Amino acid sequence: MINPPPPNGTHGSLNSRQQNTPLLHRRQFEGFWGIHKILNHRWGSDGWELLIEWEPTRGKAWEPSWEFQKDVTDDILDEYFNELQLSESVVVETDLRPLVQLTRRRIAQQVAVSKTQCRPRMHELSIDGLQLYNLAINFLEIVRTPTKFYKWMGGEQGDVKHRKLKLIYTKDPSDGVETWQVNYTKMQHVAAFAAFHTFLGAKKAVGAMRFDIGRTSNIDYACLGLPFVFKFSTKPCCPGVVDFKVEFIVCHGNGKFGTLTPPHLLKGMMRDPVEFNRVLSYVKNAIPRSHILARKGFARLPAGQDTLPSHVAVSDGEDSSEVDSSDLE
């Protein structure tokens, strides 16, 4: 059944099991509408949607319409999906963790490549393992909850609530191509997904930052910045096949002065002072105490400042406690 207005493509609360009970009349009076059966399902702008075949009301027939899964009661959902499962010849459960590892390794490889020229880069990676529509959907469902990665990293979750990030949906009216994407807008989420320290081996890394990328004299660092985007688009010519891409940027940090440089051609969040400061704040907190920048007091720079004064940068940095905070202004 569905809440008013009548079933014309709008959404409401649905149920079909109480069609012949007295409760039905009360619910109809409150604005519920009966379902005959579920005809199909699809992935929509905010999760699963169901194609509903409606029960006629007072002899009037209604056209089938798409409704949100959350508006359908559990009984009819269970009935529909149980029948669907029985109709499948083979049911295969897929473990998506290897795909997560594959994606993280691909990103790590690109960050490693960026060290050769020590320049900030903007990357767009195609992930071949996520070209099947169902895999892509399930992968997005995983990355929509980045706090879950803390457990995968071996860390303590504590009282962290697993809140899903917004799923962004668009459709191109010219060619009908549909696109779904999830954006990471917090450095903690980027770090949790990247977890570089779990697979870079001898390379020194913390979360979304590597600090041993070439010039040993200054120990430069590279940091994944914002935004960090997962998205896939349908291929109208190939049903069930998608283009899955991950878009991210690499910021280069100078190991002598600490200056963090975003990609020169980037437009958007990293050009915004607030977002840039989020990345900078993460870098200041993530750099290990053994790093030369940390010993010189880089973490104590005022908010928004990412460059050590020249006379501080050329010091040996062995005892940062002797560096007066006024020297960092």
C-alpha atoms as a PDB file:
ATOM      1  CA  MET A   1       0.000   0.000   0.000  1.00  0.00           C
ATOM      2  CA  ILE A   2       1.063   3.573  -0.514  1.00  0.00           C
ATOM      3  CA  ASN A   3       0.471   6.907   1.153  1.00  0.00           C
ATOM      4  CA  PRO A   4      -1.405   9.615  -0.791  1.00  0.00           C
ATOM      5  CA  PRO A   5      -1.373  10.997  -3.408  1.00  0.00           C
ATOM      6  CA  PRO A   6      -2.641   8.069  -5.545  1.00  0.00           C
ATOM      7  CA  PRO A   7      -0.128   5.770  -7.259  1.00  0.00           C
ATOM      8  CA  ASN A   8       1.013   7.917 -10.157  1.00  0.00           C
ATOM      9  CA  GLY A   9       4.790   7.666  -9.765  1.00  0.00           C
ATOM     10  CA  THR A  10       5.010   9.335  -6.363  1.00  0.00           C
ATOM     11  CA  HIS A  11       6.368   7.563  -3.303  1.00  0.00           C
ATOM     12  CA  GLY A  12       4.837   6.470  -0.026  1.00  0.00           C
ATOM     13  CA  SER A  13       4.346   3.489   2.307  1.00  0.00           C
ATOM     14  CA  LEU A  14       3.493   0.202   0.566  1.00  0.00           C
ATOM     15  CA  ASN A  15       1.916  -3.088   1.631  1.00  0.00           C
ATOM     16  CA  SER A  16      -0.011  -5.899  -0.050  1.00  0.00           C
ATOM     17  CA  ARG A  17      -0.618  -8.525   2.624  1.00  0.00           C
ATOM     18  CA  GLN A  18      -3.658  -6.957   4.315  1.00  0.00           C
ATOM     19  CA  GLN A  19      -5.885  -6.488   1.300  1.00  0.00           C
ATOM     20  CA  ASN A  20      -8.885  -8.367   2.784  1.00  0.00           C
ATOM     21  CA  THR A  21      -8.716  -7.398   6.430  1.00  0.00           C
ATOM     22  CA  PRO A  22     -10.656  -4.736   8.359  1.00  0.00           C
ATOM     23  CA  LEU A  23      -7.342  -3.029   8.932  1.00  0.00           C
ATOM     24  CA  LEU A  24      -7.192  -2.355   5.221  1.00  0.00           C
ATOM     25  CA  HIS A  25     -10.170   0.001   5.328  1.00  0.00           C
ATOM     26  CA  ARG A  26      -8.641   2.012   8.143  1.00  0.00           C
ATOM     27  CA  ARG A  27      -5.361   2.243   6.291  1.00  0.00           C
ATOM     28  CA  GLN A  28      -7.085   3.213   3.078  1.00  0.00           C
ATOM     29  CA  PHE A  29      -8.841   5.956   4.993  1.00  0.00           C
ATOM     30  CA  GLU A  30      -5.452   7.101   6.223  1.00  0.00           C
ATOM     31  CA  GLY A  31      -4.214   7.140   2.659  1.00  0.00           C
ATOM     32  CA  PHE A  32      -2.670   3.738   1.847  1.00  0.00           C
ATOM     33  CA  TRP A  33      -2.898   2.080  -1.551  1.00  0.00           C
ATOM     34  CA  GLY A  34      -2.805  -1.613  -2.381  1.00  0.00           C
ATOM     35  CA  ILE A  35      -0.175  -3.418  -4.437  1.00  0.00           C
ATOM     36  CA  HIS A  36      -0.915  -6.347  -6.700  1.00  0.00           C
ATOM     37  CA  LYS A  37       2.727  -7.361  -7.131  1.00  0.00           C
ATOM     38  CA  ILE A  38       6.259  -6.102  -7.761  1.00  0.00           C
ATOM     39  CA  LEU A  39       7.187  -6.346 -11.434  1.00  0.00           C
ATOM     40  CA  ASN A  40      10.853  -5.353 -11.462  1.00  0.00           C
ATOM     41  CA  HIS A  41      13.635  -3.559  -9.590  1.00  0.00           C
ATOM     42  CA  ARG A  42      16.430  -1.158 -10.523  1.00  0.00           C
ATOM     43  CA  TRP A  43      19.166   0.977  -9.010  1.00  0.00           C
ATOM     44  CA  GLY A  44      17.949   4.581  -8.770  1.00  0.00           C
ATOM     45  CA  SER A  45      19.131   7.955  -7.556  1.00  0.00           C
ATOM     46  CA  ASP A  46      18.969   6.930  -3.889  1.00  0.00           C
ATOM     47  CA  GLY A  47      19.263   3.152  -3.869  1.00  0.00           C
ATOM     48  CA  TRP A  48      16.920   0.414  -5.059  1.00  0.00           C
ATOM     49  CA  GLU A  49      13.586   1.242  -6.679  1.00  0.00           C
ATOM     50  CA  LEU A  50      10.718  -1.156  -7.391  1.00  0.00           C
ATOM     51  CA  LEU A  51       8.232  -1.220 -10.264  1.00  0.00           C
ATOM     52  CA  ILE A  52       4.802  -1.631  -8.641  1.00  0.00           C
ATOM     53  CA  GLU A  53       1.693  -3.100 -10.265  1.00  0.00           C
ATOM     54  CA  TRP A  54      -1.225  -1.544  -8.379  1.00  0.00           C
ATOM     55  CA  GLU A  55      -4.515  -3.009  -7.242  1.00  0.00           C
ATOM     56  CA  PRO A  56      -7.493  -1.243  -8.894  1.00  0.00           C
ATOM     57  CA  THR A  57      -9.455   1.034  -6.608  1.00  0.00           C
ATOM     58  CA  ARG A  58     -13.248   1.341  -7.136  1.00  0.00           C
ATOM     59  CA  GLY A  59     -12.823  -0.149 -10.600  1.00  0.00           C
ATOM     60  CA  LYS A  60     -10.129   2.340 -11.604  1.00  0.00           C
ATOM     61  CA  ALA A  61      -6.836   0.887 -12.898  1.00  0.00           C
ATOM     62  CA  TRP A  62      -3.486   2.502 -12.228  1.00  0.00           C
ATOM     63  CA  GLU A  63      -0.380   2.498 -14.361  1.00  0.00           C
ATOM     64  CA  PRO A  64       2.676   0.738 -12.838  1.00  0.00           C
ATOM     65  CA  SER A  65       5.164   3.161 -11.275  1.00  0.00           C
ATOM     66  CA  TRP A  66       8.629   3.128  -9.709  1.00  0.00           C
ATOM     67  CA  GLU A  67       8.780   3.527  -5.921  1.00  0.00           C
ATOM     68  CA  PHE A  68      11.585   3.593  -3.351  1.00  0.00           C
ATOM     69  CA  GLN A  69      12.433   0.299  -1.643  1.00  0.00           C
ATOM     70  CA  LYS A  70      12.242   1.967   1.762  1.00  0.00           C
ATOM     71  CA  ASP A  71       8.538   2.609   1.190  1.00  0.00           C
ATOM     72  CA  VAL A  72       7.740  -1.078   0.706  1.00  0.00           C
ATOM     73  CA  THR A  73       6.982  -3.239   3.729  1.00  0.00           C
ATOM     74  CA  ASP A  74       9.261  -6.153   4.542  1.00  0.00           C
ATOM     75  CA  ASP A  75       6.704  -8.883   3.852  1.00  0.00           C
ATOM     76  CA  ILE A  76       6.215  -8.095   0.183  1.00  0.00           C
ATOM     77  CA  LEU A  77       9.923  -7.366  -0.260  1.00  0.00           C
ATOM     78  CA  ASP A  78      10.790 -10.789   1.139  1.00  0.00           C
ATOM     79  CA  GLU A  79       8.199 -12.447  -1.074  1.00  0.00           C
ATOM     80  CA  TYR A  80       9.489 -10.707  -4.199  1.00  0.00           C
ATOM     81  CA  PHE A  81      13.177 -11.332  -3.605  1.00  0.00           C
ATOM     82  CA  ASN A  82      12.615 -14.929  -2.463  1.00  0.00           C
ATOM     83  CA  GLU A  83      10.753 -15.667  -5.680  1.00  0.00           C
ATOM     84  CA  LEU A  84      13.454 -13.888  -7.640  1.00  0.00           C
ATOM     85  CA  GLN A  85      16.160 -15.937  -5.966  1.00  0.00           C
ATOM     86  CA  LEU A  86      14.335 -19.180  -6.675  1.00  0.00           C
ATOM     87  CA  SER A  87      14.068 -18.206 -10.338  1.00  0.00           C
ATOM     88  CA  GLU A  88      17.849 -17.806 -10.597  1.00  0.00           C
ATOM     89  CA  SER A  89      19.659 -20.939 -11.724  1.00  0.00           C
ATOM     90  CA  VAL A  90      22.812 -20.074  -9.755  1.00  0.00           C
ATOM     91  CA  VAL A  91      23.264 -17.762  -6.801  1.00  0.00           C
ATOM     92  CA  VAL A  92      26.847 -16.585  -6.238  1.00  0.00           C
ATOM     93  CA  GLU A  93      27.987 -14.531  -3.275  1.00  0.00           C
ATOM     94  CA  THR A  94      30.771 -12.117  -4.185  1.00  0.00           C
ATOM     95  CA  ASP A  95      33.453 -10.954  -1.776  1.00  0.00           C
ATOM     96  CA  LEU A  96      34.258  -7.362  -2.781  1.00  0.00           C
ATOM     97  CA  ARG A  97      37.252  -6.996  -0.498  1.00  0.00           C
ATOM     98  CA  PRO A  98      39.711  -8.026  -3.251  1.00  0.00           C
ATOM     99  CA  LEU A  99      38.256  -5.258  -5.418  1.00  0.00           C
ATOM    100  CA  VAL A 100      38.822  -2.763  -2.624  1.00  0.00           C
ATOM    101  CA  GLN A 101      42.437  -3.923  -2.378  1.00  0.00           C
ATOM    102  CA  LEU A 102      42.817  -3.707  -6.158  1.00  0.00           C
ATOM    103  CA  THR A 103      41.552  -0.130  -6.198  1.00  0.00           C
ATOM    104  CA  ARG A 104      43.780   0.932  -3.321  1.00  0.00           C
ATOM    105  CA  ARG A 105      46.832  -0.607  -4.994  1.00  0.00           C
ATOM    106  CA  ARG A 106      46.097   1.141  -8.277  1.00  0.00           C
ATOM    107  CA  ILE A 107      45.926   4.443  -6.423  1.00  0.00           C
ATOM    108  CA  ALA A 108      49.137   3.655  -4.570  1.00  0.00           C
ATOM    109  CA  GLN A 109      50.911   2.954  -7.859  1.00  0.00           C
ATOM    110  CA  GLN A 110      49.855   6.316  -9.253  1.00  0.00           C
ATOM    111  CA  VAL A 111      51.057   8.100  -6.129  1.00  0.00           C
ATOM    112  CA  ALA A 112      54.387   6.297  -6.429  1.00  0.00           C
ATOM    113  CA  VAL A 113      54.708   7.379 -10.075  1.00  0.00           C
ATOM    114  CA  SER A 114      54.044  10.986  -9.129  1.00  0.00           C
ATOM    115  CA  LYS A 115      57.270  11.099  -7.098  1.00  0.00           C
ATOM    116  CA  THR A 116      59.488  11.107 -10.196  1.00  0.00           C
ATOM    117  CA  GLN A 117      58.819  14.715 -11.101  1.00  0.00           C
ATOM    118  CA  CYS A 118      57.756  15.893  -7.645  1.00  0.00           C
ATOM    119  CA  ARG A 119      54.759  17.699  -9.084  1.00  0.00           C
ATOM    120  CA  PRO A 120      51.152  17.641  -7.943  1.00  0.00           C
ATOM    121  CA  ARG A 121      48.994  15.483 -10.146  1.00  0.00           C
ATOM    122  CA  MET A 122      45.341  14.926 -10.893  1.00  0.00           C
ATOM    123  CA  HIS A 123      44.442  11.322 -11.714  1.00  0.00           C
ATOM    124  CA  GLU A 124      41.523   9.507 -13.299  1.00  0.00           C
ATOM    125  CA  LEU A 125      41.882   5.735 -13.015  1.00  0.00           C
ATOM    126  CA  SER A 126      39.693   3.178 -14.739  1.00  0.00           C
ATOM    127  CA  ILE A 127      39.134   0.109 -12.554  1.00  0.00           C
ATOM    128  CA  ASP A 128      38.710  -2.886 -14.853  1.00  0.00           C
ATOM    129  CA  GLY A 129      37.546  -5.164 -12.056  1.00  0.00           C
ATOM    130  CA  LEU A 130      34.456  -3.003 -11.540  1.00  0.00           C
ATOM    131  CA  GLN A 131      33.031  -2.982 -15.053  1.00  0.00           C
ATOM    132  CA  LEU A 132      30.091  -5.240 -14.201  1.00  0.00           C
ATOM    133  CA  TYR A 133      27.010  -3.278 -13.204  1.00  0.00           C
ATOM    134  CA  ASN A 134      26.169  -5.300 -10.080  1.00  0.00           C
ATOM    135  CA  LEU A 135      29.759  -5.219  -8.809  1.00  0.00           C
ATOM    136  CA  ALA A 136      29.948  -1.469  -9.333  1.00  0.00           C
ATOM    137  CA  ILE A 137      26.720  -0.924  -7.396  1.00  0.00           C
ATOM    138  CA  ASN A 138      27.874  -3.025  -4.465  1.00  0.00           C
ATOM    139  CA  PHE A 139      31.298  -1.391  -4.451  1.00  0.00           C
ATOM    140  CA  LEU A 140      29.688   2.049  -4.190  1.00  0.00           C
ATOM    141  CA  GLU A 141      27.602   0.781  -1.284  1.00  0.00           C
ATOM    142  CA  ILE A 142      30.840  -0.166   0.488  1.00  0.00           C
ATOM    143  CA  VAL A 143      32.673   3.115  -0.105  1.00  0.00           C
ATOM    144  CA  ARG A 144      29.572   5.084   0.943  1.00  0.00           C
ATOM    145  CA  THR A 145      30.460   4.113   4.516  1.00  0.00           C
ATOM    146  CA  PRO A 146      34.163   4.999   4.825  1.00  0.00           C
ATOM    147  CA  THR A 147      34.219   4.571   8.606  1.00  0.00           C
ATOM    148  CA  LYS A 148      34.018   0.799   8.051  1.00  0.00           C
ATOM    149  CA  PHE A 149      37.523   0.882   6.597  1.00  0.00           C
ATOM    150  CA  TYR A 150      38.941   1.648  10.027  1.00  0.00           C
ATOM    151  CA  LYS A 151      38.147  -1.921  11.020  1.00  0.00           C
ATOM    152  CA  TRP A 152      39.705  -3.252   7.815  1.00  0.00           C
ATOM    153  CA  MET A 153      42.858  -1.320   8.704  1.00  0.00           C
ATOM    154  CA  GLY A 154      42.979  -3.080  12.051  1.00  0.00           C
ATOM    155  CA  GLY A 155      42.045   0.018  14.024  1.00  0.00           C
ATOM    156  CA  GLU A 156      39.480   0.453  16.753  1.00  0.00           C
ATOM    157  CA  GLN A 157      36.080   1.724  15.666  1.00  0.00           C
ATOM    158  CA  GLY A 158      34.944   2.749  19.119  1.00  0.00           C
ATOM    159  CA  ASP A 159      31.592   4.501  18.953  1.00  0.00           C
ATOM    160  CA  VAL A 160      31.974   5.574  15.328  1.00  0.00           C
ATOM    161  CA  LYS A 161      28.594   5.577  13.600  1.00  0.00           C
ATOM    162  CA  HIS A 162      28.526   4.080  10.118  1.00  0.00           C
ATOM    163  CA  ARG A 163      26.704   6.881   8.328  1.00  0.00           C
ATOM    164  CA  LYS A 164      26.331   6.554   4.597  1.00  0.00           C
ATOM    165  CA  LEU A 165      27.569   9.337   2.375  1.00  0.00           C
ATOM    166  CA  LYS A 166      25.281  10.832  -0.251  1.00  0.00           C
ATOM    167  CA  LEU A 167      24.934   8.910  -3.497  1.00  0.00           C
ATOM    168  CA  ILE A 168      24.951  11.429  -6.365  1.00  0.00           C
ATOM    169  CA  TYR A 169      22.899  10.446  -9.413  1.00  0.00           C
ATOM    170  CA  THR A 170      22.727  12.155 -12.806  1.00  0.00           C
ATOM    171  CA  LYS A 171      21.286  11.272 -16.189  1.00  0.00           C
ATOM    172  CA  ASP A 172      22.354  12.821 -19.472  1.00  0.00           C
ATOM    173  CA  PRO A 173      19.174  13.647 -21.429  1.00  0.00           C
ATOM    174  CA  SER A 174      21.044  13.577 -24.741  1.00  0.00           C
ATOM    175  CA  ASP A 175      22.254   9.968 -24.628  1.00  0.00           C
ATOM    176  CA  GLY A 176      20.542   8.486 -21.566  1.00  0.00           C
ATOM    177  CA  VAL A 177      23.837   7.725 -19.812  1.00  0.00           C
ATOM    178  CA  GLU A 178      23.303   7.357 -16.049  1.00  0.00           C
ATOM    179  CA  THR A 179      26.053   8.120 -13.572  1.00  0.00           C
ATOM    180  CA  TRP A 180      26.333   7.328  -9.861  1.00  0.00           C
ATOM    181  CA  GLN A 181      29.119   8.676  -7.678  1.00  0.00           C
ATOM    182  CA  VAL A 182      30.293   9.034  -4.097  1.00  0.00           C
ATOM    183  CA  ASN A 183      32.527  11.927  -3.011  1.00  0.00           C
ATOM    184  CA  TYR A 184      34.886  11.895  -0.042  1.00  0.00           C
ATOM    185  CA  THR A 185      35.087  15.373   1.470  1.00  0.00           C
ATOM    186  CA  LYS A 186      37.029  14.558   4.656  1.00  0.00           C
ATOM    187  CA  MET A 187      40.694  13.678   4.850  1.00  0.00           C
ATOM    188  CA  GLN A 188      39.968  11.027   7.475  1.00  0.00           C
ATOM    189  CA  HIS A 189      37.778   9.182   4.963  1.00  0.00           C
ATOM    190  CA  VAL A 190      40.447   9.399   2.271  1.00  0.00           C
ATOM    191  CA  ALA A 191      43.050   8.105   4.709  1.00  0.00           C
ATOM    192  CA  ALA A 192      40.822   5.256   5.846  1.00  0.00           C
ATOM    193  CA  PHE A 193      40.242   4.117   2.272  1.00  0.00           C
ATOM    194  CA  ALA A 194      43.830   4.579   1.129  1.00  0.00           C
ATOM    195  CA  ALA A 195      45.473   2.924   4.158  1.00  0.00           C
ATOM    196  CA  PHE A 196      48.825   3.202   2.375  1.00  0.00           C
ATOM    197  CA  HIS A 197      50.768   1.898   5.331  1.00  0.00           C
ATOM    198  CA  THR A 198      49.167  -1.535   4.864  1.00  0.00           C
ATOM    199  CA  PHE A 199      50.673  -2.252   1.474  1.00  0.00           C
ATOM    200  CA  LEU A 200      53.515   0.108   0.613  1.00  0.00           C
ATOM    201  CA  GLY A 201      56.060  -2.004   2.449  1.00  0.00           C
ATOM    202  CA  ALA A 202      59.359  -0.208   2.893  1.00  0.00           C
ATOM    203  CA  LYS A 203      57.933   3.103   1.739  1.00  0.00           C
ATOM    204  CA  LYS A 204      57.080   5.293   4.690  1.00  0.00           C
ATOM    205  CA  ALA A 205      53.445   6.252   4.736  1.00  0.00           C
ATOM    206  CA  VAL A 206      50.618   7.250   7.037  1.00  0.00           C
ATOM    207  CA  GLY A 207      47.029   6.945   5.853  1.00  0.00           C
ATOM    208  CA  ALA A 208      46.756   9.202   2.813  1.00  0.00           C
ATOM    209  CA  MET A 209      50.324  10.534   2.928  1.00  0.00           C
ATOM    210  CA  ARG A 210      53.729   9.213   1.824  1.00  0.00           C
ATOM    211  CA  PHE A 211      56.799  11.006   3.123  1.00  0.00           C
ATOM    212  CA  ASP A 212      59.672   9.142   1.486  1.00  0.00           C
ATOM    213  CA  ILE A 213      59.185   9.927  -2.185  1.00  0.00           C
ATOM    214  CA  GLY A 214      62.619  10.780  -3.559  1.00  0.00           C
ATOM    215  CA  ARG A 215      64.763  13.599  -2.244  1.00  0.00           C
ATOM    216  CA  THR A 216      66.229  12.186   0.965  1.00  0.00           C
ATOM    217  CA  SER A 217      67.825  15.480   1.947  1.00  0.00           C
ATOM    218  CA  ASN A 218      64.446  17.110   2.492  1.00  0.00           C
ATOM    219  CA  ILE A 219      62.224  14.013   2.757  1.00  0.00           C
ATOM    220  CA  ASP A 220      59.471  15.487   0.600  1.00  0.00           C
ATOM    221  CA  TYR A 221      55.974  14.121   0.971  1.00  0.00           C
ATOM    222  CA  ALA A 222      52.946  13.478  -1.237  1.00  0.00           C
ATOM    223  CA  CYS A 223      49.395  13.603   0.090  1.00  0.00           C
ATOM    224  CA  LEU A 224      46.095  12.519  -1.408  1.00  0.00           C
ATOM    225  CA  GLY A 225      43.834  15.546  -1.424  1.00  0.00           C
ATOM    226  CA  LEU A 226      40.198  16.478  -1.840  1.00  0.00           C
ATOM    227  CA  PRO A 227      37.913  15.743  -3.527  1.00  0.00           C
ATOM    228  CA  PHE A 228      38.208  11.963  -3.833  1.00  0.00           C
ATOM    229  CA  VAL A 229      35.554  10.600  -6.201  1.00  0.00           C
ATOM    230  CA  PHE A 230      34.249   7.114  -7.036  1.00  0.00           C
ATOM    231  CA  LYS A 231      31.837   6.970  -9.956  1.00  0.00           C
ATOM    232  CA  PHE A 232      30.537   4.748 -12.706  1.00  0.00           C
ATOM    233  CA  SER A 233      28.505   5.436 -15.828  1.00  0.00           C
ATOM    234  CA  THR A 234      26.339   3.060 -17.822  1.00  0.00           C
ATOM    235  CA  LYS A 235      27.118   2.031 -21.393  1.00  0.00           C
ATOM    236  CA  PRO A 236      23.884   2.178 -23.440  1.00  0.00           C
ATOM    237  CA  CYS A 237      25.451  -0.035 -26.090  1.00  0.00           C
ATOM    238  CA  CYS A 238      26.427  -2.724 -23.575  1.00  0.00           C
ATOM    239  CA  PRO A 239      23.734  -3.519 -20.983  1.00  0.00           C
ATOM    240  CA  GLY A 240      25.237  -4.603 -17.672  1.00  0.00           C
ATOM    241  CA  VAL A 241      28.663  -3.116 -18.461  1.00  0.00           C
ATOM    242  CA  VAL A 242      29.836   0.194 -16.975  1.00  0.00           C
ATOM    243  CA  ASP A 243      32.822   2.524 -16.909  1.00  0.00           C
ATOM    244  CA  PHE A 244      34.080   2.691 -13.322  1.00  0.00           C
ATOM    245  CA  LYS A 245      36.596   5.399 -12.477  1.00  0.00           C
ATOM    246  CA  VAL A 246      38.279   6.818  -9.408  1.00  0.00           C
ATOM    247  CA  GLU A 247      39.310  10.466  -9.508  1.00  0.00           C
ATOM    248  CA  PHE A 248      41.784  11.910  -7.016  1.00  0.00           C
ATOM    249  CA  ILE A 249      44.604  14.407  -6.714  1.00  0.00           C
ATOM    250  CA  VAL A 250      48.108  14.194  -5.306  1.00  0.00           C
ATOM    251  CA  CYS A 251      49.547  17.244  -3.561  1.00  0.00           C
ATOM    252  CA  HIS A 252      53.302  17.610  -3.269  1.00  0.00           C
ATOM    253  CA  GLY A 253      54.826  18.912  -0.047  1.00  0.00           C
ATOM    254  CA  ASN A 254      58.306  20.370   0.233  1.00  0.00           C
ATOM    255  CA  GLY A 255      60.408  18.587   2.825  1.00  0.00           C
ATOM    256  CA  LYS A 256      62.420  21.683   3.721  1.00  0.00           C
ATOM    257  CA  PHE A 257      59.798  24.390   4.053  1.00  0.00           C
ATOM    258  CA  GLY A 258      56.663  22.209   4.203  1.00  0.00           C
ATOM    259  CA  THR A 259      54.855  24.082   1.412  1.00  0.00           C
ATOM    260  CA  LEU A 260      51.897  22.044   0.200  1.00  0.00           C
ATOM    261  CA  THR A 261      51.179  22.539  -3.515  1.00  0.00           C
ATOM    262  CA  PRO A 262      47.840  21.417  -5.012  1.00  0.00           C
ATOM    263  CA  PRO A 263      47.535  20.506  -8.704  1.00  0.00           C
ATOM    264  CA  HIS A 264      48.003  23.676 -10.733  1.00  0.00           C
ATOM    265  CA  LEU A 265      45.097  23.046 -13.110  1.00  0.00           C
ATOM    266  CA  LEU A 266      42.643  21.904 -10.462  1.00  0.00           C
ATOM    267  CA  LYS A 267      39.391  23.771 -10.083  1.00  0.00           C
ATOM    268  CA  GLY A 268      37.119  23.240  -7.144  1.00  0.00           C
ATOM    269  CA  MET A 269      37.567  22.143  -3.564  1.00  0.00           C
ATOM    270  CA  MET A 270      41.356  22.282  -3.218  1.00  0.00           C
ATOM    271  CA  ARG A 271      41.234  25.852  -4.507  1.00  0.00           C
ATOM    272  CA  ASP A 272      38.870  26.654  -1.672  1.00  0.00           C
ATOM    273  CA  PRO A 273      40.788  27.845   1.436  1.00  0.00           C
ATOM    274  CA  VAL A 274      38.574  25.815   3.771  1.00  0.00           C
ATOM    275  CA  GLU A 275      39.155  22.555   1.901  1.00  0.00           C
ATOM    276  CA  PHE A 276      42.858  23.275   1.457  1.00  0.00           C
ATOM    277  CA  ASN A 277      43.163  23.825   5.204  1.00  0.00           C
ATOM    278  CA  ARG A 278      41.501  20.461   5.838  1.00  0.00           C
ATOM    279  CA  VAL A 279      44.230  18.766   3.833  1.00  0.00           C
ATOM    280  CA  LEU A 280      46.929  20.884   5.479  1.00  0.00           C
ATOM    281  CA  SER A 281      45.593  20.133   8.956  1.00  0.00           C
ATOM    282  CA  TYR A 282      45.676  16.412   8.195  1.00  0.00           C
ATOM    283  CA  VAL A 283      49.280  16.660   6.959  1.00  0.00           C
ATOM    284  CA  LYS A 284      50.400  18.522  10.076  1.00  0.00           C
ATOM    285  CA  ASN A 285      48.873  15.901  12.346  1.00  0.00           C
ATOM    286  CA  ALA A 286      49.939  12.897  10.280  1.00  0.00           C
ATOM    287  CA  ILE A 287      53.630  13.661   9.770  1.00  0.00           C
ATOM    288  CA  PRO A 288      55.605  11.438  12.180  1.00  0.00           C
ATOM    289  CA  ARG A 289      57.636  13.084  14.904  1.00  0.00           C
ATOM    290  CA  SER A 290      60.790  11.702  13.338  1.00  0.00           C
ATOM    291  CA  HIS A 291      60.236  13.731  10.174  1.00  0.00           C
ATOM    292  CA  ILE A 292      62.490  16.778   9.871  1.00  0.00           C
ATOM    293  CA  LEU A 293      59.492  19.069   9.409  1.00  0.00           C
ATOM    294  CA  ALA A 294      57.951  17.840  12.644  1.00  0.00           C
ATOM    295  CA  ARG A 295      61.191  18.401  14.522  1.00  0.00           C
ATOM    296  CA  LYS A 296      61.267  21.972  13.275  1.00  0.00           C
ATOM    297  CA  GLY A 297      57.751  22.679  14.532  1.00  0.00           C
ATOM    298  CA  PHE A 298      55.751  22.394  11.305  1.00  0.00           C
ATOM    299  CA  ALA A 299      52.670  21.159  13.171  1.00  0.00           C
ATOM    300  CA  ARG A 300      52.668  24.340  15.284  1.00  0.00           C
ATOM    301  CA  LEU A 301      52.290  26.659  12.316  1.00  0.00           C
ATOM    302  CA  PRO A 302      49.119  28.787  12.541  1.00  0.00           C
ATOM    303  CA  ALA A 303      46.051  27.485  10.737  1.00  0.00           C
ATOM    304  CA  GLY A 304      46.290  28.110   7.018  1.00  0.00           C
ATOM    305  CA  GLN A 305      50.076  28.541   7.020  1.00  0.00           C
ATOM    306  CA  ASP A 306      52.046  25.776   5.340  1.00  0.00           C
ATOM    307  CA  THR A 307      55.546  27.238   4.967  1.00  0.00           C
ATOM    308  CA  LEU A 308      58.273  27.339   7.598  1.00  0.00           C
ATOM    309  CA  PRO A 309      60.226  30.615   7.824  1.00  0.00           C
ATOM    310  CA  SER A 310      63.606  30.428   6.083  1.00  0.00           C
ATOM    311  CA  HIS A 311      65.682  30.687   9.275  1.00  0.00           C
ATOM    312  CA  VAL A 312      63.666  27.823  10.829  1.00  0.00           C
ATOM    313  CA  ALA A 313      63.823  25.668   7.675  1.00  0.00           C
ATOM    314  CA  VAL A 314      67.647  25.800   7.544  1.00  0.00           C
ATOM    315  CA  SER A 315      68.033  24.828  11.217  1.00  0.00           C
ATOM    316  CA  ASP A 316      68.986  21.272  12.136  1.00  0.00           C
ATOM    317  CA  GLY A 317      65.584  20.690  13.692  1.00  0.00           C
ATOM    318  CA  GLU A 318      66.959  18.363  16.354  1.00  0.00           C
ATOM    319  CA  ASP A 319      65.254  20.145  19.228  1.00  0.00           C
ATOM    320  CA  SER A 320      61.990  21.714  18.209  1.00  0.00           C
ATOM    321  CA  SER A 321      61.221  22.662  21.807  1.00  0.00           C
ATOM    322  CA  GLU A 322      63.740  25.495  21.470  1.00  0.00           C
ATOM    323  CA  VAL A 323      61.870  26.950  18.507  1.00  0.00           C
ATOM    324  CA  ASP A 324      59.849  29.894  19.766  1.00  0.00           C
ATOM    325  CA  SER A 325      56.276  30.026  18.485  1.00  0.00           C
ATOM    326  CA  SER A 326      56.929  33.616  17.421  1.00  0.00           C
ATOM    327  CA  ASP A 327      59.463  32.273  14.938  1.00  0.00           C
ATOM    328  CA  LEU A 328      56.682  30.424  13.168  1.00  0.00           C
ATOM    329  CA  GLU A 329      54.515  33.469  12.586  1.00  0.00           C
END
